[in-house]
C-alpha atoms as a PDB file:
ATOM      1  CA  MET A   1       4.470  -5.716   5.970  1.00  0.00           C
ATOM      2  CA  PRO A   2       2.043  -3.422   7.899  1.00  0.00           C
ATOM      3  CA  THR A   3       1.368  -6.171  10.469  1.00  0.00           C
ATOM      4  CA  ARG A   4       5.074  -6.764  10.987  1.00  0.00           C
ATOM      5  CA  LEU A   5       5.786  -3.060  11.354  1.00  0.00           C
ATOM      6  CA  ALA A   6       2.986  -2.659  13.874  1.00  0.00           C
ATOM      7  CA  ALA A   7       4.320  -5.623  15.874  1.00  0.00           C
ATOM      8  CA  LEU A   8       7.662  -3.817  16.055  1.00  0.00           C
ATOM      9  CA  GLY A   9       6.024  -0.668  17.397  1.00  0.00           C
ATOM     10  CA  ILE A  10       5.996   1.241  14.099  1.00  0.00           C
ATOM     11  CA  ALA A  11       2.653   2.635  12.923  1.00  0.00           C
ATOM     12  CA  PRO A  12       2.437   2.037   9.139  1.00  0.00           C
ATOM     13  CA  THR A  13       0.144   5.023   8.549  1.00  0.00           C
ATOM     14  CA  ASP A  14       2.506   7.344  10.400  1.00  0.00           C
ATOM     15  CA  MET A  15       5.488   5.984   8.485  1.00  0.00           C
ATOM     16  CA  LEU A  16       3.779   6.482   5.119  1.00  0.00           C
ATOM     17  CA  ARG A  17       2.757  10.004   6.056  1.00  0.00           C
ATOM     18  CA  ARG A  18       6.293  10.944   7.073  1.00  0.00           C
ATOM     19  CA  ALA A  19       7.701   9.413   3.885  1.00  0.00           C
ATOM     20  CA  ARG A  20       5.074  11.362   1.867  1.00  0.00           C
ATOM     21  CA  LEU A  21       3.729   8.180   0.303  1.00  0.00           C
ATOM     22  CA  PRO A  22       0.108   7.152  -0.412  1.00  0.00           C
ATOM     23  CA  GLN A  23      -1.753   5.808   2.617  1.00  0.00           C
ATOM     24  CA  THR A  24      -3.103   2.995   0.417  1.00  0.00           C
ATOM     25  CA  LEU A  25       0.371   1.713  -0.488  1.00  0.00           C
ATOM     26  CA  PHE A  26       0.216  -1.362   1.751  1.00  0.00           C
ATOM     27  CA  GLN A  27      -3.325  -2.166   0.601  1.00  0.00           C
ATOM     28  CA  GLN A  28      -2.110  -3.084  -2.867  1.00  0.00           C
ATOM     29  CA  GLU A  29      -2.100  -6.771  -3.794  1.00  0.00           C
ATOM     30  CA  ARG A  30       1.604  -6.522  -4.621  1.00  0.00           C
ATOM     31  CA  VAL A  31       3.460  -3.562  -3.160  1.00  0.00           C
ATOM     32  CA  VAL A  32       5.968  -2.177  -5.655  1.00  0.00           C
ATOM     33  CA  VAL A  33       7.930   0.979  -4.874  1.00  0.00           C
ATOM     34  CA  SER A  34      10.627   2.999  -6.564  1.00  0.00           C
ATOM     35  CA  THR A  35      14.142   3.107  -5.146  1.00  0.00           C
ATOM     36  CA  ALA A  36      13.584   6.657  -3.867  1.00  0.00           C
ATOM     37  CA  GLN A  37      10.351   5.615  -2.134  1.00  0.00           C
ATOM     38  CA  TRP A  38      11.979   2.549  -0.592  1.00  0.00           C
ATOM     39  CA  PHE A  39      14.862   4.632   0.737  1.00  0.00           C
ATOM     40  CA  ALA A  40      12.395   7.197   2.119  1.00  0.00           C
ATOM     41  CA  LEU A  41      10.556   4.495   4.066  1.00  0.00           C
ATOM     42  CA  TRP A  42      13.776   3.237   5.632  1.00  0.00           C
ATOM     43  CA  ARG A  43      14.939   6.737   6.523  1.00  0.00           C
ATOM     44  CA  VAL A  44      11.690   7.274   8.400  1.00  0.00           C
ATOM     45  CA  ILE A  45      12.280   4.032  10.314  1.00  0.00           C
ATOM     46  CA  GLU A  46      15.774   5.325  11.180  1.00  0.00           C
ATOM     47  CA  GLN A  47      14.267   8.569  12.456  1.00  0.00           C
ATOM     48  CA  ILE A  48      11.616   6.998  14.686  1.00  0.00           C
ATOM     49  CA  ASN A  49      13.769   4.197  16.112  1.00  0.00           C
ATOM     50  CA  ASP A  50      16.801   5.001  18.245  1.00  0.00           C
ATOM     51  CA  ASP A  51      18.082   1.423  18.616  1.00  0.00           C
ATOM     52  CA  PRO A  52      21.355   1.183  16.623  1.00  0.00           C
ATOM     53  CA  ALA A  53      20.899  -2.600  16.382  1.00  0.00           C
ATOM     54  CA  PHE A  54      17.337  -2.411  15.049  1.00  0.00           C
ATOM     55  CA  GLY A  55      18.288  -3.364  11.491  1.00  0.00           C
ATOM     56  CA  LEU A  56      20.170  -6.416  12.754  1.00  0.00           C
ATOM     57  CA  LYS A  57      17.211  -7.530  14.878  1.00  0.00           C
ATOM     58  CA  LEU A  58      14.530  -6.950  12.250  1.00  0.00           C
ATOM     59  CA  PRO A  59      15.019 -10.130  10.160  1.00  0.00           C
ATOM     60  CA  GLN A  60      14.945 -12.283  13.306  1.00  0.00           C
ATOM     61  CA  ALA A  61      11.613 -10.744  14.269  1.00  0.00           C
ATOM     62  CA  VAL A  62      10.220 -11.155  10.752  1.00  0.00           C
ATOM     63  CA  LEU A  63      11.422 -14.735  10.277  1.00  0.00           C
ATOM     64  CA  GLY A  64      10.203 -15.580  13.735  1.00  0.00           C
ATOM     65  CA  GLY A  65       6.625 -15.138  12.527  1.00  0.00           C
ATOM     66  CA  SER A  66       4.726 -16.077   9.397  1.00  0.00           C
ATOM     67  CA  PHE A  67       6.771 -16.383   6.206  1.00  0.00           C
ATOM     68  CA  ASP A  68       6.054 -14.675   2.895  1.00  0.00           C
ATOM     69  CA  PRO A  69       6.161 -16.705  -0.369  1.00  0.00           C
ATOM     70  CA  LEU A  70       9.668 -15.493  -1.227  1.00  0.00           C
ATOM     71  CA  THR A  71      11.110 -16.552   2.139  1.00  0.00           C
ATOM     72  CA  ILE A  72       9.339 -19.916   1.962  1.00  0.00           C
ATOM     73  CA  THR A  73      10.775 -20.447  -1.527  1.00  0.00           C
ATOM     74  CA  ALA A  74      14.288 -19.598  -0.350  1.00  0.00           C
ATOM     75  CA  LEU A  75      14.055 -21.921   2.660  1.00  0.00           C
ATOM     76  CA  SER A  76      12.718 -24.699   0.418  1.00  0.00           C
ATOM     77  CA  ALA A  77      15.889 -24.581  -1.693  1.00  0.00           C
ATOM     78  CA  ARG A  78      18.485 -27.335  -1.645  1.00  0.00           C
ATOM     79  CA  SER A  79      21.314 -25.274  -0.104  1.00  0.00           C
ATOM     80  CA  PHE A  80      22.273 -21.889   1.320  1.00  0.00           C
ATOM     81  CA  TYR A  81      23.635 -20.870  -2.075  1.00  0.00           C
ATOM     82  CA  GLU A  82      20.427 -21.852  -3.899  1.00  0.00           C
ATOM     83  CA  GLY A  83      18.330 -20.065  -1.283  1.00  0.00           C
ATOM     84  CA  LEU A  84      20.298 -16.856  -1.798  1.00  0.00           C
ATOM     85  CA  THR A  85      20.013 -17.104  -5.590  1.00  0.00           C
ATOM     86  CA  LYS A  86      16.236 -17.399  -5.299  1.00  0.00           C
ATOM     87  CA  ILE A  87      16.141 -14.318  -3.078  1.00  0.00           C
ATOM     88  CA  ALA A  88      18.274 -12.512  -5.661  1.00  0.00           C
ATOM     89  CA  ARG A  89      16.030 -13.523  -8.554  1.00  0.00           C
ATOM     90  CA  TYR A  90      12.634 -12.735  -7.074  1.00  0.00           C
ATOM     91  CA  LYS A  91      13.494  -9.692  -4.931  1.00  0.00           C
ATOM     92  CA  ARG A  92      13.205  -7.712  -8.176  1.00  0.00           C
ATOM     93  CA  LEU A  93       9.445  -8.161  -7.938  1.00  0.00           C
ATOM     94  CA  PHE A  94       9.275  -5.654  -5.100  1.00  0.00           C
ATOM     95  CA  CYS A  95      11.912  -2.986  -5.750  1.00  0.00           C
ATOM     96  CA  SER A  96      14.694  -2.064  -8.179  1.00  0.00           C
ATOM     97  CA  GLU A  97      17.362  -3.861  -6.217  1.00  0.00           C
ATOM     98  CA  GLU A  98      19.946  -6.257  -7.577  1.00  0.00           C
ATOM     99  CA  ILE A  99      21.662  -8.837  -5.393  1.00  0.00           C
ATOM    100  CA  ARG A 100      24.849  -9.973  -7.096  1.00  0.00           C
ATOM    101  CA  ILE A 101      26.407 -13.278  -6.043  1.00  0.00           C
ATOM    102  CA  VAL A 102      29.872 -13.567  -7.567  1.00  0.00           C
ATOM    103  CA  GLU A 103      32.485 -16.283  -7.017  1.00  0.00           C
ATOM    104  CA  GLN A 104      36.015 -15.074  -6.278  1.00  0.00           C
ATOM    105  CA  ASP A 105      39.046 -16.909  -4.847  1.00  0.00           C
ATOM    106  CA  ASN A 106      37.197 -19.896  -3.383  1.00  0.00           C
ATOM    107  CA  ALA A 107      34.604 -17.595  -1.817  1.00  0.00           C
ATOM    108  CA  TRP A 108      31.372 -15.839  -2.774  1.00  0.00           C
ATOM    109  CA  ASN A 109      30.793 -12.083  -2.663  1.00  0.00           C
ATOM    110  CA  ILE A 110      27.199 -11.002  -2.090  1.00  0.00           C
ATOM    111  CA  GLU A 111      26.707  -7.385  -3.124  1.00  0.00           C
ATOM    112  CA  VAL A 112      23.575  -5.267  -2.959  1.00  0.00           C
ATOM    113  CA  VAL A 113      23.223  -2.783  -5.831  1.00  0.00           C
ATOM    114  CA  TRP A 114      20.448  -0.216  -6.287  1.00  0.00           C
ATOM    115  CA  LEU A 115      20.247   0.369 -10.027  1.00  0.00           C
ATOM    116  CA  ALA A 116      18.190   3.569  -9.898  1.00  0.00           C
ATOM    117  CA  ALA A 117      19.684   5.057  -6.731  1.00  0.00           C
ATOM    118  CA  GLN A 118      20.760   8.689  -6.698  1.00  0.00           C
ATOM    119  CA  GLU A 119      22.377   8.317  -3.266  1.00  0.00           C
ATOM    120  CA  PRO A 120      23.705   5.569  -0.967  1.00  0.00           C
ATOM    121  CA  ALA A 121      21.174   3.222   0.604  1.00  0.00           C
ATOM    122  CA  PRO A 122      20.168   3.984   4.214  1.00  0.00           C
ATOM    123  CA  PRO A 123      22.486   2.059   6.591  1.00  0.00           C
ATOM    124  CA  LEU A 124      19.500   0.549   8.398  1.00  0.00           C
ATOM    125  CA  LEU A 125      18.347  -1.038   5.134  1.00  0.00           C
ATOM    126  CA  ILE A 126      21.753  -2.594   4.479  1.00  0.00           C
ATOM    127  CA  ASP A 127      21.888  -3.850   8.091  1.00  0.00           C
ATOM    128  CA  SER A 128      18.530  -5.520   7.636  1.00  0.00           C
ATOM    129  CA  MET A 129      19.462  -7.124   4.323  1.00  0.00           C
ATOM    130  CA  PHE A 130      22.806  -8.508   5.477  1.00  0.00           C
ATOM    131  CA  SER A 131      21.236  -9.743   8.703  1.00  0.00           C
ATOM    132  CA  SER A 132      18.467 -11.429   6.702  1.00  0.00           C
ATOM    133  CA  PHE A 133      21.077 -13.382   4.712  1.00  0.00           C
ATOM    134  CA  VAL A 134      22.668 -14.603   7.951  1.00  0.00           C
ATOM    135  CA  GLU A 135      19.251 -15.484   9.352  1.00  0.00           C
ATOM    136  CA  LEU A 136      18.289 -17.357   6.170  1.00  0.00           C
ATOM    137  CA  GLY A 137      21.403 -19.505   6.488  1.00  0.00           C
ATOM    138  CA  ARG A 138      20.726 -20.181  10.161  1.00  0.00           C
ATOM    139  CA  ARG A 139      17.081 -21.104   9.586  1.00  0.00           C
ATOM    140  CA  GLY A 140      17.857 -23.328   6.633  1.00  0.00           C
ATOM    141  CA  THR A 141      20.855 -25.210   8.013  1.00  0.00           C
ATOM    142  CA  GLY A 142      20.162 -25.106  11.734  1.00  0.00           C
ATOM    143  CA  GLN A 143      23.588 -23.621  12.425  1.00  0.00           C
ATOM    144  CA  ALA A 144      25.194 -20.181  12.441  1.00  0.00           C
ATOM    145  CA  LEU A 145      26.921 -19.512   9.115  1.00  0.00           C
ATOM    146  CA  TYR A 146      28.838 -16.281   9.519  1.00  0.00           C
ATOM    147  CA  PRO A 147      30.463 -14.371   6.655  1.00  0.00           C
ATOM    148  CA  GLU A 148      34.227 -14.251   6.280  1.00  0.00           C
ATOM    149  CA  ARG A 149      34.295 -10.464   5.908  1.00  0.00           C
ATOM    150  CA  ILE A 150      31.931  -7.517   5.389  1.00  0.00           C
ATOM    151  CA  ALA A 151      32.448  -4.132   3.725  1.00  0.00           C
ATOM    152  CA  PHE A 152      30.148  -1.177   4.470  1.00  0.00           C
ATOM    153  CA  ARG A 153      30.028   2.117   2.560  1.00  0.00           C
ATOM    154  CA  ARG A 154      29.156   4.024   5.742  1.00  0.00           C
ATOM    155  CA  GLU A 155      31.657   5.504   8.139  1.00  0.00           C
ATOM    156  CA  PRO A 156      32.416   3.611  11.389  1.00  0.00           C
ATOM    157  CA  LEU A 157      29.591   3.708  13.927  1.00  0.00           C
ATOM    158  CA  HIS A 158      29.219   1.071  16.647  1.00  0.00           C
ATOM    159  CA  PRO A 159      31.881  -1.184  15.027  1.00  0.00           C
ATOM    160  CA  ALA A 160      31.990  -3.540  18.019  1.00  0.00           C
ATOM    161  CA  MET A 161      28.254  -4.159  17.692  1.00  0.00           C
ATOM    162  CA  TYR A 162      28.621  -5.256  14.069  1.00  0.00           C
ATOM    163  CA  GLU A 163      31.647  -7.438  14.739  1.00  0.00           C
ATOM    164  CA  ALA A 164      29.821  -9.129  17.608  1.00  0.00           C
ATOM    165  CA  TYR A 165      26.778  -9.815  15.456  1.00  0.00           C
ATOM    166  CA  PHE A 166      28.469 -10.954  12.238  1.00  0.00           C
ATOM    167  CA  GLN A 167      31.475 -12.559  13.965  1.00  0.00           C
ATOM    168  CA  CYS A 168      33.878 -11.339  11.288  1.00  0.00           C
ATOM    169  CA  PRO A 169      36.076  -8.331  10.423  1.00  0.00           C
ATOM    170  CA  ILE A 170      34.172  -5.255   9.209  1.00  0.00           C
ATOM    171  CA  ASP A 171      35.601  -2.730   6.743  1.00  0.00           C
ATOM    172  CA  PHE A 172      33.952   0.696   6.924  1.00  0.00           C
ATOM    173  CA  GLY A 173      34.171   3.485   4.343  1.00  0.00           C
ATOM    174  CA  ALA A 174      34.300   0.997   1.457  1.00  0.00           C
ATOM    175  CA  ASP A 175      33.169   1.803  -2.082  1.00  0.00           C
ATOM    176  CA  ARG A 176      30.332  -0.744  -1.920  1.00  0.00           C
ATOM    177  CA  ASP A 177      28.252  -2.863   0.475  1.00  0.00           C
ATOM    178  CA  VAL A 178      29.311  -6.497   0.200  1.00  0.00           C
ATOM    179  CA  MET A 179      29.419  -9.705   2.265  1.00  0.00           C
ATOM    180  CA  ARG A 180      32.014 -12.387   1.648  1.00  0.00           C
ATOM    181  CA  TYR A 181      31.258 -16.043   2.449  1.00  0.00           C
ATOM    182  CA  ARG A 182      33.581 -19.000   2.166  1.00  0.00           C
ATOM    183  CA  ARG A 183      32.490 -21.554  -0.426  1.00  0.00           C
ATOM    184  CA  GLU A 184      31.912 -24.246   2.214  1.00  0.00           C
ATOM    185  CA  ALA A 185      29.352 -22.066   3.995  1.00  0.00           C
ATOM    186  CA  LEU A 186      27.189 -21.536   0.912  1.00  0.00           C
ATOM    187  CA  GLU A 187      27.398 -25.220   0.001  1.00  0.00           C
ATOM    188  CA  GLN A 188      25.740 -26.221   3.283  1.00  0.00           C
ATOM    189  CA  PRO A 189      22.476 -28.114   2.594  1.00  0.00           C
ATOM    190  CA  PHE A 190      19.151 -26.856   3.921  1.00  0.00           C
ATOM    191  CA  PHE A 191      17.290 -29.301   6.129  1.00  0.00           C
ATOM    192  CA  THR A 192      14.216 -27.249   5.163  1.00  0.00           C
ATOM    193  CA  TYR A 193      14.613 -28.397   1.525  1.00  0.00           C
ATOM    194  CA  ASN A 194      11.131 -29.055   0.125  1.00  0.00           C
ATOM    195  CA  PRO A 195      10.899 -29.820  -3.616  1.00  0.00           C
ATOM    196  CA  ASP A 196       7.102 -30.080  -3.453  1.00  0.00           C
ATOM    197  CA  LEU A 197       6.781 -26.542  -2.108  1.00  0.00           C
ATOM    198  CA  LEU A 198       9.248 -25.293  -4.727  1.00  0.00           C
ATOM    199  CA  ALA A 199       7.166 -26.903  -7.471  1.00  0.00           C
ATOM    200  CA  LEU A 200       4.123 -25.099  -6.103  1.00  0.00           C
ATOM    201  CA  LEU A 201       5.573 -21.644  -5.421  1.00  0.00           C
ATOM    202  CA  GLU A 202       8.233 -21.048  -8.069  1.00  0.00           C
ATOM    203  CA  PRO A 203       5.884 -21.152 -11.091  1.00  0.00           C
ATOM    204  CA  GLN A 204       3.769 -18.450  -9.424  1.00  0.00           C
ATOM    205  CA  LEU A 205       6.804 -16.268  -8.755  1.00  0.00           C
ATOM    206  CA  GLU A 206       8.086 -16.824 -12.289  1.00  0.00           C
ATOM    207  CA  ALA A 207       4.724 -15.858 -13.781  1.00  0.00           C
ATOM    208  CA  THR A 208       4.647 -12.689 -11.685  1.00  0.00           C
ATOM    209  CA  LEU A 209       8.230 -11.905 -12.669  1.00  0.00           C
ATOM    210  CA  HIS A 210       7.474 -12.250 -16.376  1.00  0.00           C
ATOM    211  CA  ALA A 211       4.325 -10.146 -16.028  1.00  0.00           C
ATOM    212  CA  SER A 212       6.268  -7.416 -14.232  1.00  0.00           C
ATOM    213  CA  VAL A 213       8.614  -6.921 -17.181  1.00  0.00           C
ATOM    214  CA  ALA A 214       5.796  -6.765 -19.732  1.00  0.00           C
ATOM    215  CA  PRO A 215       5.456  -3.430 -21.565  1.00  0.00           C
ATOM    216  CA  GLN A 216       3.508  -0.850 -19.549  1.00  0.00           C
ATOM    217  CA  ARG A 217       1.198   1.709 -21.123  1.00  0.00           C
ATOM    218  CA  PHE A 218       2.636   5.205 -20.993  1.00  0.00           C
ATOM    219  CA  ILE A 219      -0.414   6.556 -19.192  1.00  0.00           C
ATOM    220  CA  ASP A 220       0.101   3.938 -16.459  1.00  0.00           C
ATOM    221  CA  GLN A 221       3.694   5.100 -16.001  1.00  0.00           C
ATOM    222  CA  VAL A 222       2.458   8.668 -15.525  1.00  0.00           C
ATOM    223  CA  LYS A 223      -0.248   7.532 -13.095  1.00  0.00           C
ATOM    224  CA  SER A 224       2.283   5.582 -11.064  1.00  0.00           C
ATOM    225  CA  LEU A 225       4.506   8.645 -10.697  1.00  0.00           C
ATOM    226  CA  LEU A 226       1.558  10.851  -9.788  1.00  0.00           C
ATOM    227  CA  ARG A 227       0.393   8.462  -7.052  1.00  0.00           C
ATOM    228  CA  SER A 228       3.751   8.754  -5.331  1.00  0.00           C
ATOM    229  CA  ARG A 229       4.156  12.511  -5.810  1.00  0.00           C
ATOM    230  CA  LEU A 230       0.750  13.977  -4.950  1.00  0.00           C
ATOM    231  CA  ALA A 231       1.075  14.286  -1.165  1.00  0.00           C
ATOM    232  CA  GLY A 232       1.182  17.947  -0.226  1.00  0.00           C
ATOM    233  CA  GLN A 233       1.595  19.174  -3.769  1.00  0.00           C
ATOM    234  CA  GLN A 234       0.295  18.902  -7.308  1.00  0.00           C
ATOM    235  CA  PRO A 235       3.146  17.707  -9.524  1.00  0.00           C
ATOM    236  CA  THR A 236       3.496  19.792 -12.659  1.00  0.00           C
ATOM    237  CA  VAL A 237       3.694  18.379 -16.147  1.00  0.00           C
ATOM    238  CA  HIS A 238       7.298  19.594 -16.280  1.00  0.00           C
ATOM    239  CA  ALA A 239       8.217  17.742 -13.055  1.00  0.00           C
ATOM    240  CA  ILE A 240       6.695  14.452 -14.223  1.00  0.00           C
ATOM    241  CA  ALA A 241       8.237  14.829 -17.676  1.00  0.00           C
ATOM    242  CA  SER A 242      11.640  15.378 -16.095  1.00  0.00           C
ATOM    243  CA  GLU A 243      11.306  12.142 -14.095  1.00  0.00           C
ATOM    244  CA  LEU A 244      10.499  10.317 -17.331  1.00  0.00           C
ATOM    245  CA  HIS A 245      13.515  11.942 -19.019  1.00  0.00           C
ATOM    246  CA  MET A 246      11.528  13.775 -21.670  1.00  0.00           C
ATOM    247  CA  SER A 247      10.160  17.237 -22.402  1.00  0.00           C
ATOM    248  CA  ALA A 248       6.710  18.368 -21.268  1.00  0.00           C
ATOM    249  CA  ARG A 249       5.714  18.636 -24.935  1.00  0.00           C
ATOM    250  CA  THR A 250       6.669  15.000 -25.555  1.00  0.00           C
ATOM    251  CA  LEU A 251       4.783  13.858 -22.457  1.00  0.00           C
ATOM    252  CA  GLN A 252       1.635  15.673 -23.560  1.00  0.00           C
ATOM    253  CA  ARG A 253       1.936  14.240 -27.073  1.00  0.00           C
ATOM    254  CA  ARG A 254       2.314  10.676 -25.809  1.00  0.00           C
ATOM    255  CA  LEU A 255      -0.674  11.091 -23.502  1.00  0.00           C
ATOM    256  CA  ALA A 256      -2.669  12.491 -26.413  1.00  0.00           C
ATOM    257  CA  ASP A 257      -1.781   9.373 -28.402  1.00  0.00           C
ATOM    258  CA  GLU A 258      -3.606   7.408 -25.685  1.00  0.00           C
ATOM    259  CA  GLY A 259      -6.569   9.812 -25.667  1.00  0.00           C
ATOM    260  CA  MET A 260      -5.766  11.824 -22.516  1.00  0.00           C
ATOM    261  CA  HIS A 261      -4.122  15.061 -21.470  1.00  0.00           C
ATOM    262  CA  PHE A 262      -2.086  15.633 -18.325  1.00  0.00           C
ATOM    263  CA  GLN A 263      -4.736  17.311 -16.178  1.00  0.00           C
ATOM    264  CA  GLN A 264      -7.207  14.538 -16.972  1.00  0.00           C
ATOM    265  CA  VAL A 265      -4.696  11.978 -15.723  1.00  0.00           C
ATOM    266  CA  VAL A 266      -4.116  14.013 -12.538  1.00  0.00           C
ATOM    267  CA  GLU A 267      -7.849  14.133 -11.857  1.00  0.00           C
ATOM    268  CA  ALA A 268      -8.255  10.413 -12.585  1.00  0.00           C
ATOM    269  CA  VAL A 269      -5.526   9.554 -10.076  1.00  0.00           C
ATOM    270  CA  ARG A 270      -6.963  11.926  -7.486  1.00  0.00           C
ATOM    271  CA  ARG A 271     -10.426  10.421  -7.864  1.00  0.00           C
ATOM    272  CA  GLU A 272      -9.070   6.872  -7.586  1.00  0.00           C
ATOM    273  CA  LEU A 273      -7.010   7.677  -4.482  1.00  0.00           C
ATOM    274  CA  ALA A 274      -9.836   9.666  -2.889  1.00  0.00           C
ATOM    275  CA  ARG A 275     -12.159   6.658  -3.093  1.00  0.00           C
ATOM    276  CA  GLN A 276      -9.447   4.397  -1.649  1.00  0.00           C
ATOM    277  CA  TYR A 277      -8.686   6.745   1.243  1.00  0.00           C
ATOM    278  CA  LEU A 278     -12.371   7.228   2.075  1.00  0.00           C
ATOM    279  CA  THR A 279     -13.183   3.518   2.100  1.00  0.00           C
ATOM    280  CA  GLY A 280      -9.896   2.055   3.309  1.00  0.00           C
ATOM    281  CA  SER A 281      -8.775   4.447   6.039  1.00  0.00           C
ATOM    282  CA  SER A 282     -10.027   6.582   8.902  1.00  0.00           C
ATOM    283  CA  LEU A 283      -8.157   9.659   7.692  1.00  0.00           C
ATOM    284  CA  GLU A 284      -9.787  13.032   8.252  1.00  0.00           C
ATOM    285  CA  LEU A 285     -11.044  14.809   5.132  1.00  0.00           C
ATOM    286  CA  ASN A 286      -8.447  17.573   5.436  1.00  0.00           C
ATOM    287  CA  GLU A 287      -5.712  14.909   5.626  1.00  0.00           C
ATOM    288  CA  ILE A 288      -7.049  13.284   2.474  1.00  0.00           C
ATOM    289  CA  ALA A 289      -7.109  16.671   0.759  1.00  0.00           C
ATOM    290  CA  PHE A 290      -3.426  17.115   1.644  1.00  0.00           C
ATOM    291  CA  LEU A 291      -2.501  13.638   0.363  1.00  0.00           C
ATOM    292  CA  LEU A 292      -4.254  14.419  -2.920  1.00  0.00           C
ATOM    293  CA  GLY A 293      -2.226  17.583  -3.397  1.00  0.00           C
ATOM    294  CA  TYR A 294      -4.932  20.149  -2.664  1.00  0.00           C
ATOM    295  CA  GLU A 295      -3.863  23.326  -0.887  1.00  0.00           C
ATOM    296  CA  GLU A 296      -7.343  23.812   0.558  1.00  0.00           C
ATOM    297  CA  ALA A 297      -9.796  21.178   1.797  1.00  0.00           C
ATOM    298  CA  SER A 298     -12.576  23.147   0.095  1.00  0.00           C
ATOM    299  CA  SER A 299     -10.962  22.498  -3.291  1.00  0.00           C
ATOM    300  CA  PHE A 300     -11.065  18.764  -2.581  1.00  0.00           C
ATOM    301  CA  HIS A 301     -14.736  18.978  -1.575  1.00  0.00           C
ATOM    302  CA  ARG A 302     -15.648  20.773  -4.822  1.00  0.00           C
ATOM    303  CA  ALA A 303     -13.701  18.303  -6.950  1.00  0.00           C
ATOM    304  CA  PHE A 304     -15.221  15.288  -5.199  1.00  0.00           C
ATOM    305  CA  ARG A 305     -18.747  16.620  -5.593  1.00  0.00           C
ATOM    306  CA  HIS A 306     -18.018  17.074  -9.302  1.00  0.00           C
ATOM    307  CA  TRP A 307     -16.810  13.445  -9.572  1.00  0.00           C
ATOM    308  CA  GLU A 308     -19.412  11.692  -7.447  1.00  0.00           C
ATOM    309  CA  GLY A 309     -22.321  14.116  -7.170  1.00  0.00           C
ATOM    310  CA  THR A 310     -22.089  14.250  -3.368  1.00  0.00           C
ATOM    311  CA  SER A 311     -19.717  15.380  -0.617  1.00  0.00           C
ATOM    312  CA  PRO A 312     -16.787  13.199   0.537  1.00  0.00           C
ATOM    313  CA  GLY A 313     -18.342  12.737   3.981  1.00  0.00           C
ATOM    314  CA  GLN A 314     -21.712  11.660   2.602  1.00  0.00           C
ATOM    315  CA  TRP A 315     -20.073   9.322   0.092  1.00  0.00           C
ATOM    316  CA  ARG A 316     -17.963   7.701   2.839  1.00  0.00           C
ATOM    317  CA  ALA A 317     -21.014   7.202   5.073  1.00  0.00           C
ATOM    318  CA  ALA A 318     -22.908   5.537   2.219  1.00  0.00           C
ATOM    319  CA  GLN A 319     -20.160   2.935   1.802  1.00  0.00           C
ATOM    320  CA  HIS A 320     -20.664   1.536   5.331  1.00  0.00           C
END
């Protein structure tokens, strides 16, 4: 993702900073974000890009380069319908998004639902998703497969642009975001069908999917929330407890059951992120202090010396 963003003129580090997300987010082996974090990233892209058609162009740019395992799996499917169902199944590995494909009146409705959303999805995100479905069909079949109709939750803005791109009527101000395809379109076979690649890739995706739904230790849930909330502030035990839908007393008790208390977890996350920022980025020390939730850089220096026995600058120099 960082490489693709950079190719489109978007600096990943700047985007993460504006979205108040950890600078190490894209360094993870598998990037998983909450719905709120995902929406924040797309809102930043909306803010720094003034092209109203950017979301429609994005999938073409992405699919024009190297493919990720999920896209390869979808293009290796037998038909447009099967490719979409694979996208729907494995997209859950990356964010709390549900793609519903429902048959109705000799057609298929494709609806995007954000299960944990507190607000509507950014329009740019929906543009990109719907455009990616169209692009998947085009890449797989070698022909343009346009939807029969589209409904957007947003109010009308550049309607002619959308009608020209999707080649179908557009309903704005709807109660949901949904594409409607005729049955014949989704039944079109993919000339990219590759059963050997499917046999290679799908077991890996299935294993990752099963692992992702395995029970998570409570302390890991708290750490995950802290990593995404530290920038510019130190989340309180009450704030984290509220996000986990429990009282601060219950949170402390459950952490105690795993041998930790809240401040210890905060310090553990700060130490982990500090080491990542120092070795994996060129961020200034005061920027790192901010991302770790310290009001003063001097507080970060004292804490780091306590953890590692040396200053952040000296520790960073010793790693190279």
